[in-house]
Amino acid sequence: MPRETPSGPFDARLPDPRDVLQDRALSRAEKLARLQHWRHDAQEIEVANEEGMRGHVAPSNLDAIQRALRELSA
């Protein structure tokens, strides 16, 4: 359900990197590619937040994505 902020509604649901790690249908390379794509998107969101580009602070799951990438690389 969209959440209200002082600047308006936004969708607070974020992809869960653990779902990628647990997906047996994906190869290691596919998991890595998906998580790297998500990391890029999350980094862009964080930059936009820092620069105030969105008018409100959007949630980011960058830390969870980075943990998943480290786990996949271990």
N, C-alpha and C. Protein backbone atom coordinates (compact mmCIF):
# COMPACT_ATOMS: atom_id res chain seq x y z
N MET A 1 0.85 -1.18 0.00
CA MET A 1 0.00 0.00 0.00
C MET A 1 0.89 1.24 0.00
N PRO A 2 0.61 2.20 -0.86
CA PRO A 2 1.42 3.42 -0.86
C PRO A 2 1.37 4.12 0.48
N ARG A 3 2.47 4.70 0.85
CA ARG A 3 2.60 5.41 2.11
C ARG A 3 2.60 6.90 1.82
N GLU A 4 2.04 7.68 2.71
CA GLU A 4 2.02 9.14 2.55
C GLU A 4 3.25 9.75 3.21
N THR A 5 3.80 10.73 2.56
CA THR A 5 4.88 11.53 3.12
C THR A 5 4.43 12.98 3.07
N PRO A 6 5.17 13.88 3.68
CA PRO A 6 4.79 15.29 3.58
C PRO A 6 4.71 15.78 2.14
N SER A 7 5.44 15.14 1.24
CA SER A 7 5.45 15.58 -0.16
C SER A 7 4.46 14.82 -1.03
N GLY A 8 3.85 13.76 -0.51
CA GLY A 8 2.89 13.00 -1.32
C GLY A 8 3.09 11.51 -1.17
N PRO A 9 2.32 10.73 -1.93
CA PRO A 9 2.39 9.28 -1.81
C PRO A 9 3.59 8.69 -2.56
N PHE A 10 4.08 7.58 -2.09
CA PHE A 10 5.07 6.80 -2.82
C PHE A 10 4.93 5.35 -2.40
N ASP A 11 5.40 4.47 -3.24
CA ASP A 11 5.30 3.04 -2.97
C ASP A 11 6.53 2.61 -2.19
N ALA A 12 6.35 2.20 -0.96
CA ALA A 12 7.48 1.87 -0.08
C ALA A 12 7.96 0.43 -0.23
N ARG A 13 7.30 -0.36 -1.07
CA ARG A 13 7.74 -1.74 -1.25
C ARG A 13 9.04 -1.77 -2.04
N LEU A 14 9.99 -2.50 -1.52
CA LEU A 14 11.29 -2.63 -2.18
C LEU A 14 11.55 -4.10 -2.45
N PRO A 15 12.28 -4.40 -3.51
CA PRO A 15 12.61 -5.81 -3.77
C PRO A 15 13.49 -6.35 -2.64
N ASP A 16 13.30 -7.60 -2.31
CA ASP A 16 14.07 -8.23 -1.23
C ASP A 16 15.20 -9.05 -1.85
N PRO A 17 16.44 -8.64 -1.64
CA PRO A 17 17.58 -9.36 -2.21
C PRO A 17 17.66 -10.81 -1.75
N ARG A 18 17.12 -11.12 -0.59
CA ARG A 18 17.14 -12.52 -0.12
C ARG A 18 16.34 -13.42 -1.05
N ASP A 19 15.29 -12.85 -1.67
CA ASP A 19 14.51 -13.64 -2.63
C ASP A 19 15.36 -14.08 -3.81
N VAL A 20 16.24 -13.20 -4.25
CA VAL A 20 17.14 -13.54 -5.36
C VAL A 20 18.10 -14.64 -4.91
N LEU A 21 18.68 -14.49 -3.74
CA LEU A 21 19.63 -15.49 -3.25
C LEU A 21 18.99 -16.87 -3.13
N GLN A 22 17.73 -16.92 -2.76
CA GLN A 22 17.04 -18.19 -2.52
C GLN A 22 16.40 -18.77 -3.78
N ASP A 23 16.39 -18.03 -4.87
CA ASP A 23 15.72 -18.48 -6.09
C ASP A 23 16.57 -19.54 -6.79
N ARG A 24 16.12 -20.78 -6.74
CA ARG A 24 16.87 -21.90 -7.33
C ARG A 24 16.79 -21.92 -8.85
N ALA A 25 15.87 -21.16 -9.42
CA ALA A 25 15.73 -21.10 -10.87
C ALA A 25 16.78 -20.21 -11.53
N LEU A 26 17.44 -19.38 -10.71
CA LEU A 26 18.45 -18.46 -11.23
C LEU A 26 19.85 -19.03 -11.05
N SER A 27 20.68 -18.87 -12.06
CA SER A 27 22.09 -19.27 -11.93
C SER A 27 22.80 -18.22 -11.07
N ARG A 28 24.01 -18.56 -10.65
CA ARG A 28 24.80 -17.61 -9.87
C ARG A 28 25.01 -16.32 -10.68
N ALA A 29 25.31 -16.46 -11.97
CA ALA A 29 25.54 -15.29 -12.83
C ALA A 29 24.27 -14.44 -12.94
N GLU A 30 23.11 -15.07 -13.04
CA GLU A 30 21.85 -14.33 -13.13
C GLU A 30 21.56 -13.60 -11.82
N LYS A 31 21.83 -14.25 -10.71
CA LYS A 31 21.64 -13.60 -9.41
C LYS A 31 22.55 -12.39 -9.28
N LEU A 32 23.80 -12.57 -9.67
CA LEU A 32 24.76 -11.48 -9.60
C LEU A 32 24.32 -10.31 -10.48
N ALA A 33 23.89 -10.59 -11.69
CA ALA A 33 23.46 -9.53 -12.60
C ALA A 33 22.25 -8.79 -12.04
N ARG A 34 21.28 -9.52 -11.51
CA ARG A 34 20.08 -8.88 -10.97
C ARG A 34 20.43 -7.99 -9.78
N LEU A 35 21.25 -8.52 -8.87
CA LEU A 35 21.62 -7.74 -7.68
C LEU A 35 22.45 -6.52 -8.06
N GLN A 36 23.32 -6.65 -9.04
CA GLN A 36 24.11 -5.50 -9.47
C GLN A 36 23.21 -4.43 -10.09
N HIS A 37 22.21 -4.85 -10.84
CA HIS A 37 21.24 -3.90 -11.42
C HIS A 37 20.49 -3.19 -10.29
N TRP A 38 20.02 -3.95 -9.32
CA TRP A 38 19.31 -3.35 -8.19
C TRP A 38 20.21 -2.40 -7.41
N ARG A 39 21.50 -2.78 -7.26
CA ARG A 39 22.43 -1.90 -6.55
C ARG A 39 22.54 -0.56 -7.27
N HIS A 40 22.66 -0.61 -8.58
CA HIS A 40 22.75 0.63 -9.36
C HIS A 40 21.51 1.49 -9.15
N ASP A 41 20.34 0.87 -9.23
CA ASP A 41 19.09 1.61 -9.01
C ASP A 41 19.04 2.23 -7.61
N ALA A 42 19.43 1.45 -6.60
CA ALA A 42 19.41 1.94 -5.22
C ALA A 42 20.40 3.09 -5.03
N GLN A 43 21.56 3.00 -5.69
CA GLN A 43 22.54 4.09 -5.60
C GLN A 43 21.97 5.37 -6.23
N GLU A 44 21.26 5.22 -7.33
CA GLU A 44 20.64 6.38 -7.98
C GLU A 44 19.59 7.01 -7.07
N ILE A 45 18.81 6.19 -6.38
CA ILE A 45 17.81 6.70 -5.44
C ILE A 45 18.50 7.47 -4.32
N GLU A 46 19.59 6.92 -3.80
CA GLU A 46 20.30 7.60 -2.71
C GLU A 46 20.87 8.95 -3.16
N VAL A 47 21.38 9.01 -4.38
CA VAL A 47 21.90 10.28 -4.91
C VAL A 47 20.75 11.28 -5.03
N ALA A 48 19.62 10.83 -5.55
CA ALA A 48 18.46 11.72 -5.69
C ALA A 48 18.00 12.21 -4.32
N ASN A 49 18.01 11.32 -3.33
CA ASN A 49 17.63 11.73 -1.97
C ASN A 49 18.58 12.80 -1.44
N GLU A 50 19.88 12.58 -1.62
CA GLU A 50 20.87 13.53 -1.12
C GLU A 50 20.74 14.89 -1.79
N GLU A 51 20.37 14.88 -3.06
CA GLU A 51 20.26 16.14 -3.80
C GLU A 51 18.87 16.76 -3.71
N GLY A 52 17.96 16.08 -3.01
CA GLY A 52 16.61 16.60 -2.86
C GLY A 52 15.82 16.62 -4.15
N MET A 53 16.16 15.74 -5.07
CA MET A 53 15.55 15.74 -6.39
C MET A 53 14.11 15.22 -6.40
N ARG A 54 13.73 14.43 -5.43
CA ARG A 54 12.41 13.81 -5.46
C ARG A 54 11.38 14.59 -4.65
N GLY A 55 11.80 15.56 -3.89
CA GLY A 55 10.87 16.31 -3.07
C GLY A 55 10.59 15.63 -1.75
N HIS A 56 10.96 14.38 -1.62
CA HIS A 56 10.83 13.61 -0.38
C HIS A 56 11.91 12.54 -0.39
N VAL A 57 12.15 11.97 0.75
CA VAL A 57 13.17 10.92 0.84
C VAL A 57 12.52 9.59 0.48
N ALA A 58 13.02 8.97 -0.58
CA ALA A 58 12.52 7.67 -1.01
C ALA A 58 13.31 6.58 -0.28
N PRO A 59 12.65 5.48 0.03
CA PRO A 59 13.36 4.40 0.72
C PRO A 59 14.39 3.74 -0.21
N SER A 60 15.42 3.23 0.38
CA SER A 60 16.46 2.54 -0.37
C SER A 60 16.82 1.27 0.39
N ASN A 61 17.11 0.22 -0.35
CA ASN A 61 17.54 -1.02 0.27
C ASN A 61 18.98 -1.34 -0.13
N LEU A 62 19.77 -0.31 -0.33
CA LEU A 62 21.15 -0.49 -0.77
C LEU A 62 21.94 -1.37 0.18
N ASP A 63 21.81 -1.18 1.47
CA ASP A 63 22.56 -2.01 2.43
C ASP A 63 22.22 -3.48 2.28
N ALA A 64 20.95 -3.80 2.14
CA ALA A 64 20.54 -5.21 1.99
C ALA A 64 21.07 -5.80 0.68
N ILE A 65 21.06 -5.01 -0.37
CA ILE A 65 21.57 -5.48 -1.66
C ILE A 65 23.06 -5.74 -1.56
N GLN A 66 23.80 -4.84 -0.93
CA GLN A 66 25.24 -5.04 -0.78
C GLN A 66 25.56 -6.27 0.06
N ARG A 67 24.76 -6.51 1.12
CA ARG A 67 24.95 -7.72 1.93
C ARG A 67 24.73 -8.97 1.07
N ALA A 68 23.70 -8.95 0.26
CA ALA A 68 23.41 -10.10 -0.61
C ALA A 68 24.53 -10.33 -1.62
N LEU A 69 25.07 -9.26 -2.18
CA LEU A 69 26.18 -9.40 -3.11
C LEU A 69 27.41 -9.99 -2.42
N ARG A 70 27.68 -9.55 -1.20
CA ARG A 70 28.81 -10.11 -0.45
C ARG A 70 28.59 -11.59 -0.17
N GLU A 71 27.37 -11.94 0.20
CA GLU A 71 27.04 -13.34 0.49
C GLU A 71 27.19 -14.19 -0.77
N LEU A 72 26.77 -13.69 -1.89
CA LEU A 72 26.87 -14.42 -3.14
C LEU A 72 28.32 -14.60 -3.57
N SER A 73 29.16 -13.63 -3.23
CA SER A 73 30.56 -13.69 -3.60
C SER A 73 31.40 -14.54 -2.65
N ALA A 74 30.84 -14.87 -1.50
CA ALA A 74 31.61 -15.64 -0.49
C ALA A 74 31.78 -17.08 -0.91
